[in-house]
Amino acid sequence: MDILISYDYREEDLKPLPLRELTQFVLASEGKPFNTEVSVSFVDNPSIAVLNERFRGIAGPTDVLSFECDNVEDECSCQEREDPIYELGDVVIAADVAEAQTHEYGTSFEEEVSLLLVHGLLHLCGYDHIEDDDAVVMEGREKELLGAWAERRRAEAAE
């Protein structure tokens, strides 16, 4: 998997976090092929506000946006090394919004960024939360993935 992370903002806070590994974990858990490509960008509030207005028609910053590239409904059995790259999409996270939400939700910065990353990646994998039933499914999957990720990290730390 090709995971492109752009630390355009707050690199010193974000680069030490295991975000590449978490992204790989989520995509593998969702059964994405080895040739999947995804980009993750960390931006400031004005940058995400522009994207939020342009693509959602909503003024002001938001915490995370996802932009799909190749259709998640496409058949992609990509098993061979020469198969083309499957461009899943882009996730854009506002680091300052994430930090503000730590105070609101009582989470750490890493926990909040991890949740936003998983949330954005799940959108790229076809999950949504517009309807209540879909929100229950998506939020359940977020909790499941984050719980499994935390358990994996605890086990690795114990070794």
Protein backbone atom coordinates (compact mmCIF):
# COMPACT_ATOMS: atom_id res chain seq x y z
CA MET A 1 0.00 0.00 0.00
CA ASP A 2 1.19 3.46 -0.84
CA ILE A 3 0.36 5.90 1.95
CA LEU A 4 1.27 9.51 1.28
CA ILE A 5 1.23 11.74 4.35
CA SER A 6 1.65 15.51 4.02
CA TYR A 7 2.45 17.33 7.21
CA ASP A 8 1.66 20.78 5.83
CA TYR A 9 0.82 21.99 9.31
CA ARG A 10 1.99 21.02 12.82
CA GLU A 11 4.51 18.50 11.58
CA GLU A 12 6.30 18.47 14.94
CA ASP A 13 3.11 17.30 16.69
CA LEU A 14 1.98 14.83 14.04
CA LYS A 15 5.06 13.17 12.59
CA PRO A 16 5.86 11.17 15.78
CA LEU A 17 2.39 9.55 15.72
CA PRO A 18 2.05 6.11 14.05
CA LEU A 19 -0.34 7.41 11.41
CA ARG A 20 1.12 5.51 8.45
CA GLU A 21 0.83 2.27 10.41
CA LEU A 22 -2.74 3.05 11.48
CA THR A 23 -3.71 3.85 7.89
CA GLN A 24 -2.23 0.57 6.70
CA PHE A 25 -4.02 -1.29 9.51
CA VAL A 26 -7.41 0.21 8.59
CA LEU A 27 -7.02 -0.40 4.86
CA ALA A 28 -5.90 -3.99 5.42
CA SER A 29 -8.79 -4.54 7.85
CA GLU A 30 -11.15 -3.26 5.18
CA GLY A 31 -9.72 -5.70 2.65
CA LYS A 32 -8.16 -3.13 0.33
CA PRO A 33 -5.66 -4.56 -2.17
CA PHE A 34 -1.89 -4.20 -1.84
CA ASN A 35 -1.78 -1.59 -4.62
CA THR A 36 -4.12 0.83 -2.83
CA GLU A 37 -2.92 4.41 -2.67
CA VAL A 38 -4.26 6.96 -0.22
CA SER A 39 -3.11 10.41 0.81
CA VAL A 40 -3.51 12.05 4.20
CA SER A 41 -2.92 15.77 4.66
CA PHE A 42 -2.82 17.84 7.81
CA VAL A 43 -3.80 21.46 7.33
CA ASP A 44 -4.65 24.61 9.25
CA ASN A 45 -8.17 25.89 9.85
CA PRO A 46 -8.26 28.42 6.98
CA SER A 47 -7.23 25.72 4.50
CA ILE A 48 -9.88 23.23 5.57
CA ALA A 49 -12.48 26.02 5.75
CA VAL A 50 -11.88 26.76 2.07
CA LEU A 51 -12.34 23.07 1.20
CA ASN A 52 -15.42 22.78 3.41
CA GLU A 53 -17.04 25.79 1.71
CA ARG A 54 -16.05 24.69 -1.79
CA PHE A 55 -17.07 21.04 -1.57
CA ARG A 56 -19.80 20.99 1.09
CA GLY A 57 -21.13 24.53 0.93
CA ILE A 58 -20.56 24.93 4.67
CA ALA A 59 -18.71 27.96 6.01
CA GLY A 60 -15.91 27.52 8.50
CA PRO A 61 -13.50 24.74 9.39
CA THR A 62 -14.44 21.13 9.98
CA ASP A 63 -12.37 18.35 11.50
CA VAL A 64 -11.95 15.95 8.57
CA LEU A 65 -12.86 15.74 4.89
CA SER A 66 -12.55 12.78 2.54
CA PHE A 67 -12.32 12.88 -1.23
CA GLU A 68 -12.84 9.63 -3.11
CA CYS A 69 -10.83 8.91 -6.26
CA ASP A 70 -11.50 5.43 -7.67
CA ASN A 71 -15.06 4.33 -7.00
CA VAL A 72 -15.29 2.03 -3.97
CA GLU A 73 -17.89 0.01 -5.87
CA ASP A 74 -15.37 -0.76 -8.64
CA GLU A 75 -14.30 -4.35 -8.95
CA CYS A 76 -10.65 -4.39 -7.94
CA SER A 77 -9.18 -7.83 -7.58
CA CYS A 78 -5.69 -6.37 -8.00
CA GLN A 79 -3.44 -9.25 -7.08
CA GLU A 80 -0.54 -8.84 -9.46
CA ARG A 81 2.37 -6.45 -8.97
CA GLU A 82 1.84 -4.99 -12.43
CA ASP A 83 -1.79 -4.06 -11.75
CA PRO A 84 -2.46 -0.32 -11.79
CA ILE A 85 -2.58 1.68 -8.59
CA TYR A 86 -6.00 1.74 -6.94
CA GLU A 87 -6.34 5.39 -5.91
CA LEU A 88 -8.68 5.21 -2.95
CA GLY A 89 -8.67 8.95 -2.23
CA ASP A 90 -7.57 11.73 0.05
CA VAL A 91 -8.20 12.48 3.71
CA VAL A 92 -7.69 16.04 4.97
CA ILE A 93 -7.53 16.66 8.72
CA ALA A 94 -7.52 20.01 10.53
CA ALA A 95 -5.00 19.59 13.33
CA ASP A 96 -6.26 22.58 15.33
CA VAL A 97 -9.85 21.37 15.20
CA ALA A 98 -8.63 17.97 16.38
CA GLU A 99 -6.84 19.61 19.29
CA ALA A 100 -9.91 21.68 20.22
CA GLN A 101 -11.99 18.49 20.23
CA THR A 102 -9.65 16.90 22.79
CA HIS A 103 -10.95 19.38 25.34
CA GLU A 104 -14.54 18.77 24.32
CA TYR A 105 -14.33 14.96 24.32
CA GLY A 106 -11.63 14.35 26.93
CA THR A 107 -9.31 12.61 24.50
CA SER A 108 -5.61 13.00 23.81
CA PHE A 109 -4.36 14.63 20.63
CA GLU A 110 -3.23 11.25 19.30
CA GLU A 111 -6.60 9.66 20.08
CA GLU A 112 -8.49 12.45 18.36
CA VAL A 113 -6.27 12.48 15.27
CA SER A 114 -6.49 8.68 15.10
CA LEU A 115 -10.29 8.80 15.27
CA LEU A 116 -10.45 11.43 12.53
CA LEU A 117 -8.07 9.42 10.37
CA VAL A 118 -10.10 6.24 10.79
CA HIS A 119 -13.31 8.18 10.15
CA GLY A 120 -11.94 9.69 6.95
CA LEU A 121 -10.58 6.36 5.73
CA LEU A 122 -13.90 4.63 6.38
CA HIS A 123 -15.63 7.25 4.23
CA LEU A 124 -13.22 6.33 1.43
CA CYS A 125 -14.13 2.68 1.99
CA GLY A 126 -17.82 3.41 1.42
CA TYR A 127 -19.13 4.07 4.92
CA ASP A 128 -21.40 7.02 5.62
CA HIS A 129 -23.35 8.48 8.51
CA ILE A 130 -26.10 10.51 6.85
CA GLU A 131 -28.83 8.06 7.87
CA ASP A 132 -29.04 6.98 11.51
CA ASP A 133 -28.69 3.28 10.68
CA ASP A 134 -25.56 3.97 8.62
CA ALA A 135 -24.13 6.13 11.41
CA VAL A 136 -24.53 3.26 13.88
CA VAL A 137 -22.65 0.94 11.53
CA MET A 138 -19.88 3.45 10.82
CA GLU A 139 -19.39 4.45 14.45
CA GLY A 140 -19.35 0.78 15.45
CA ARG A 141 -16.66 0.06 12.88
CA GLU A 142 -14.63 3.05 14.10
CA LYS A 143 -14.74 1.74 17.66
CA GLU A 144 -13.90 -1.77 16.54
CA LEU A 145 -10.88 -0.64 14.51
CA LEU A 146 -9.59 1.76 17.15
CA GLY A 147 -9.98 -0.90 19.84
CA ALA A 148 -8.10 -3.47 17.76
CA TRP A 149 -5.41 -0.88 16.97
CA ALA A 150 -4.98 -0.02 20.67
CA GLU A 151 -4.74 -3.71 21.54
CA ARG A 152 -2.14 -4.26 18.83
CA ARG A 153 -0.06 -1.34 20.10
CA ARG A 154 -0.28 -2.62 23.70
CA ALA A 155 0.87 -6.07 22.57
CA GLU A 156 3.77 -4.59 20.57
CA ALA A 157 4.82 -2.46 23.56
CA ALA A 158 4.81 -5.53 25.81
CA GLU A 159 7.18 -7.45 23.54
